[in-house]
N, C-alpha and C. Protein backbone atom coordinates (compact mmCIF):
# COMPACT_ATOMS: atom_id res chain seq x y z
N UNK A 1 -99.41 160.53 -89.65
CA UNK A 1 -98.48 161.30 -88.86
C UNK A 1 -99.23 162.34 -88.05
N UNK A 2 -98.67 162.72 -86.94
CA UNK A 2 -99.31 163.68 -86.06
C UNK A 2 -99.20 165.11 -86.58
N UNK A 3 -99.89 165.99 -85.92
CA UNK A 3 -99.84 167.40 -86.28
C UNK A 3 -98.56 168.03 -85.77
N UNK A 4 -98.06 168.99 -86.51
CA UNK A 4 -96.87 169.70 -86.09
C UNK A 4 -97.26 170.84 -85.16
N UNK A 5 -96.38 171.11 -84.20
CA UNK A 5 -96.60 172.24 -83.32
C UNK A 5 -95.38 173.13 -83.38
N UNK A 6 -95.54 174.42 -83.13
CA UNK A 6 -94.38 175.33 -83.16
C UNK A 6 -93.35 174.97 -82.09
N UNK A 7 -92.08 175.27 -82.36
CA UNK A 7 -91.00 174.96 -81.44
C UNK A 7 -91.24 175.58 -80.08
N UNK A 8 -91.70 176.83 -80.06
CA UNK A 8 -91.91 177.52 -78.79
C UNK A 8 -92.92 176.77 -77.91
N UNK A 9 -93.97 176.28 -78.53
CA UNK A 9 -94.98 175.54 -77.78
C UNK A 9 -94.42 174.21 -77.28
N UNK A 10 -93.62 173.55 -78.10
CA UNK A 10 -93.01 172.28 -77.69
C UNK A 10 -92.06 172.49 -76.52
N UNK A 11 -91.30 173.58 -76.55
CA UNK A 11 -90.38 173.87 -75.45
C UNK A 11 -91.16 174.12 -74.17
N UNK A 12 -92.25 174.89 -74.28
CA UNK A 12 -93.08 175.15 -73.10
C UNK A 12 -93.67 173.85 -72.56
N UNK A 13 -94.14 173.00 -73.47
CA UNK A 13 -94.75 171.74 -73.05
C UNK A 13 -93.72 170.83 -72.38
N UNK A 14 -92.52 170.82 -72.89
CA UNK A 14 -91.48 169.96 -72.35
C UNK A 14 -90.75 170.60 -71.17
N UNK A 15 -90.99 171.88 -70.98
CA UNK A 15 -90.36 172.65 -69.90
C UNK A 15 -88.84 172.56 -69.97
N UNK A 16 -88.31 172.75 -71.17
CA UNK A 16 -86.86 172.78 -71.34
C UNK A 16 -86.46 174.12 -71.92
N UNK A 17 -85.24 174.50 -71.66
CA UNK A 17 -84.72 175.76 -72.20
C UNK A 17 -84.14 175.48 -73.58
N UNK A 18 -84.45 176.32 -74.57
CA UNK A 18 -83.86 176.11 -75.88
C UNK A 18 -82.35 176.33 -75.84
N UNK A 19 -81.64 175.60 -76.65
CA UNK A 19 -80.19 175.73 -76.71
C UNK A 19 -79.84 177.05 -77.35
N UNK A 20 -79.06 177.85 -76.65
CA UNK A 20 -78.71 179.16 -77.16
C UNK A 20 -77.36 179.17 -77.87
N UNK A 21 -76.65 178.06 -77.84
CA UNK A 21 -75.34 178.00 -78.46
C UNK A 21 -75.48 177.61 -79.93
N UNK A 22 -74.77 178.32 -80.78
CA UNK A 22 -74.82 178.05 -82.22
C UNK A 22 -74.05 176.77 -82.57
N UNK A 23 -73.17 176.35 -81.68
CA UNK A 23 -72.37 175.15 -81.90
C UNK A 23 -72.94 173.97 -81.12
N UNK A 24 -72.80 172.77 -81.68
CA UNK A 24 -73.22 171.57 -80.97
C UNK A 24 -72.08 171.10 -80.07
N UNK A 25 -72.44 170.30 -79.09
CA UNK A 25 -71.41 169.70 -78.24
C UNK A 25 -71.63 168.20 -78.23
N UNK A 26 -70.57 167.48 -78.34
CA UNK A 26 -70.61 166.01 -78.29
C UNK A 26 -71.54 165.40 -79.34
N UNK A 27 -71.53 165.92 -80.54
CA UNK A 27 -72.36 165.36 -81.60
C UNK A 27 -71.73 164.06 -82.08
N UNK A 28 -72.45 162.94 -82.02
CA UNK A 28 -71.86 161.65 -82.39
C UNK A 28 -71.51 161.54 -83.87
N UNK A 29 -72.06 162.41 -84.71
CA UNK A 29 -71.80 162.36 -86.14
C UNK A 29 -70.73 163.35 -86.59
N UNK A 30 -70.23 164.13 -85.66
CA UNK A 30 -69.16 165.06 -85.98
C UNK A 30 -69.63 166.41 -86.49
N UNK A 31 -70.92 166.67 -86.46
CA UNK A 31 -71.41 167.97 -86.91
C UNK A 31 -71.13 169.03 -85.86
N UNK A 32 -70.87 170.24 -86.30
CA UNK A 32 -70.46 171.29 -85.38
C UNK A 32 -71.49 172.40 -85.21
N UNK A 33 -72.45 172.50 -86.13
CA UNK A 33 -73.44 173.57 -86.09
C UNK A 33 -74.76 173.03 -85.56
N UNK A 34 -75.37 173.76 -84.64
CA UNK A 34 -76.67 173.41 -84.08
C UNK A 34 -77.75 173.92 -85.04
N UNK A 35 -78.35 173.04 -85.81
CA UNK A 35 -79.35 173.46 -86.80
C UNK A 35 -80.67 173.86 -86.14
N UNK A 36 -80.82 173.64 -84.85
CA UNK A 36 -82.02 174.06 -84.15
C UNK A 36 -81.89 175.43 -83.50
N UNK A 37 -80.75 176.06 -83.66
CA UNK A 37 -80.56 177.41 -83.14
C UNK A 37 -81.48 178.36 -83.90
N UNK A 38 -82.12 179.32 -83.21
CA UNK A 38 -83.09 180.21 -83.88
C UNK A 38 -82.54 180.98 -85.08
N UNK A 39 -81.25 181.27 -85.10
CA UNK A 39 -80.68 182.00 -86.24
C UNK A 39 -80.26 181.08 -87.38
N UNK A 40 -80.03 179.82 -87.07
CA UNK A 40 -79.59 178.84 -88.07
C UNK A 40 -80.77 178.12 -88.71
N UNK A 41 -81.81 177.85 -87.94
CA UNK A 41 -82.93 177.04 -88.43
C UNK A 41 -83.53 177.55 -89.74
N UNK A 42 -83.80 178.88 -89.88
CA UNK A 42 -84.35 179.35 -91.16
C UNK A 42 -83.40 179.12 -92.34
N UNK A 43 -82.10 179.27 -92.09
CA UNK A 43 -81.11 179.03 -93.15
C UNK A 43 -81.08 177.55 -93.52
N UNK A 44 -81.19 176.70 -92.52
CA UNK A 44 -81.21 175.26 -92.73
C UNK A 44 -82.43 174.85 -93.56
N UNK A 45 -83.58 175.40 -93.21
CA UNK A 45 -84.81 175.10 -93.95
C UNK A 45 -84.69 175.56 -95.41
N UNK A 46 -84.18 176.76 -95.63
CA UNK A 46 -84.03 177.27 -97.00
C UNK A 46 -83.04 176.43 -97.79
N UNK A 47 -81.97 176.00 -97.13
CA UNK A 47 -80.98 175.16 -97.82
C UNK A 47 -81.62 173.85 -98.26
N UNK A 48 -82.41 173.23 -97.38
CA UNK A 48 -83.07 171.97 -97.73
C UNK A 48 -84.05 172.18 -98.88
N UNK A 49 -84.79 173.27 -98.85
CA UNK A 49 -85.72 173.57 -99.95
C UNK A 49 -84.97 173.81 -101.25
N UNK A 50 -83.85 174.52 -101.15
CA UNK A 50 -83.05 174.85 -102.33
C UNK A 50 -82.54 173.60 -103.05
N UNK A 51 -82.09 172.61 -102.26
CA UNK A 51 -81.57 171.40 -102.90
C UNK A 51 -82.66 170.35 -103.11
N UNK A 52 -83.86 170.64 -102.63
CA UNK A 52 -84.99 169.74 -102.86
C UNK A 52 -84.99 168.49 -102.01
N UNK A 53 -84.50 168.62 -100.78
CA UNK A 53 -84.44 167.47 -99.86
C UNK A 53 -85.17 167.80 -98.57
N UNK A 54 -85.79 166.78 -97.98
CA UNK A 54 -86.40 166.95 -96.66
C UNK A 54 -85.43 166.53 -95.57
N UNK A 55 -84.62 165.52 -95.87
CA UNK A 55 -83.61 165.04 -94.93
C UNK A 55 -82.27 165.06 -95.67
N UNK A 56 -81.26 165.64 -95.03
CA UNK A 56 -79.96 165.76 -95.67
C UNK A 56 -79.08 164.54 -95.43
N UNK A 57 -78.28 164.24 -96.43
CA UNK A 57 -77.26 163.20 -96.25
C UNK A 57 -76.13 163.83 -95.44
N UNK A 58 -75.20 163.01 -94.99
CA UNK A 58 -74.06 163.53 -94.23
C UNK A 58 -73.26 164.52 -95.05
N UNK A 59 -73.05 164.23 -96.33
CA UNK A 59 -72.29 165.15 -97.18
C UNK A 59 -73.03 166.46 -97.39
N UNK A 60 -74.35 166.40 -97.54
CA UNK A 60 -75.12 167.63 -97.69
C UNK A 60 -75.07 168.46 -96.41
N UNK A 61 -75.13 167.79 -95.28
CA UNK A 61 -75.06 168.51 -94.00
C UNK A 61 -73.69 169.16 -93.83
N UNK A 62 -72.63 168.45 -94.22
CA UNK A 62 -71.29 169.03 -94.14
C UNK A 62 -71.18 170.24 -95.05
N UNK A 63 -71.76 170.16 -96.23
CA UNK A 63 -71.75 171.29 -97.15
C UNK A 63 -72.49 172.48 -96.55
N UNK A 64 -73.64 172.23 -95.93
CA UNK A 64 -74.39 173.29 -95.27
C UNK A 64 -73.53 173.94 -94.18
N UNK A 65 -72.84 173.14 -93.38
CA UNK A 65 -72.00 173.68 -92.32
C UNK A 65 -70.87 174.52 -92.90
N UNK A 66 -70.29 174.09 -94.01
CA UNK A 66 -69.24 174.90 -94.64
C UNK A 66 -69.79 176.25 -95.09
N UNK A 67 -71.00 176.25 -95.62
CA UNK A 67 -71.62 177.52 -96.02
C UNK A 67 -71.85 178.42 -94.81
N UNK A 68 -72.27 177.84 -93.71
CA UNK A 68 -72.50 178.62 -92.48
C UNK A 68 -71.18 179.20 -91.99
N UNK A 69 -70.12 178.41 -91.99
CA UNK A 69 -68.82 178.92 -91.55
C UNK A 69 -68.34 180.05 -92.46
N UNK A 70 -68.61 179.95 -93.76
CA UNK A 70 -68.25 181.03 -94.67
C UNK A 70 -69.03 182.30 -94.34
N UNK A 71 -70.32 182.15 -94.07
CA UNK A 71 -71.12 183.32 -93.69
C UNK A 71 -70.63 183.92 -92.37
N UNK A 72 -70.21 183.08 -91.46
CA UNK A 72 -69.70 183.58 -90.18
C UNK A 72 -68.39 184.35 -90.39
N UNK A 73 -67.56 183.87 -91.30
CA UNK A 73 -66.31 184.57 -91.59
C UNK A 73 -66.57 185.94 -92.18
N UNK A 74 -67.60 186.02 -93.00
CA UNK A 74 -67.97 187.31 -93.59
C UNK A 74 -68.80 188.16 -92.64
N UNK A 75 -69.05 187.60 -91.45
CA UNK A 75 -69.79 188.27 -90.37
C UNK A 75 -71.23 188.57 -90.72
N UNK A 76 -71.82 187.70 -91.52
CA UNK A 76 -73.24 187.83 -91.82
C UNK A 76 -74.08 187.12 -90.78
N UNK A 77 -73.43 186.21 -90.03
CA UNK A 77 -74.09 185.52 -88.92
C UNK A 77 -73.17 185.66 -87.72
N UNK A 78 -73.72 185.99 -86.58
CA UNK A 78 -72.90 186.08 -85.36
C UNK A 78 -73.48 185.22 -84.29
């Protein structure tokens, strides 16, 4: 496998603007949270480490999104 590069460098190399919206649009799998958002990504990584998975199943991803929505309701994430 190739070497990993930081997201910022990949964005510069691809000359694309990072998505600033916390919500996804037109996700074919029905997910609503953008896990690549700078405020969500660290939480997503910690969640995956916590459950001991590198790739989440659909149910695990839905559970993660429910946790994010709960945090948003408590205004811990804006």
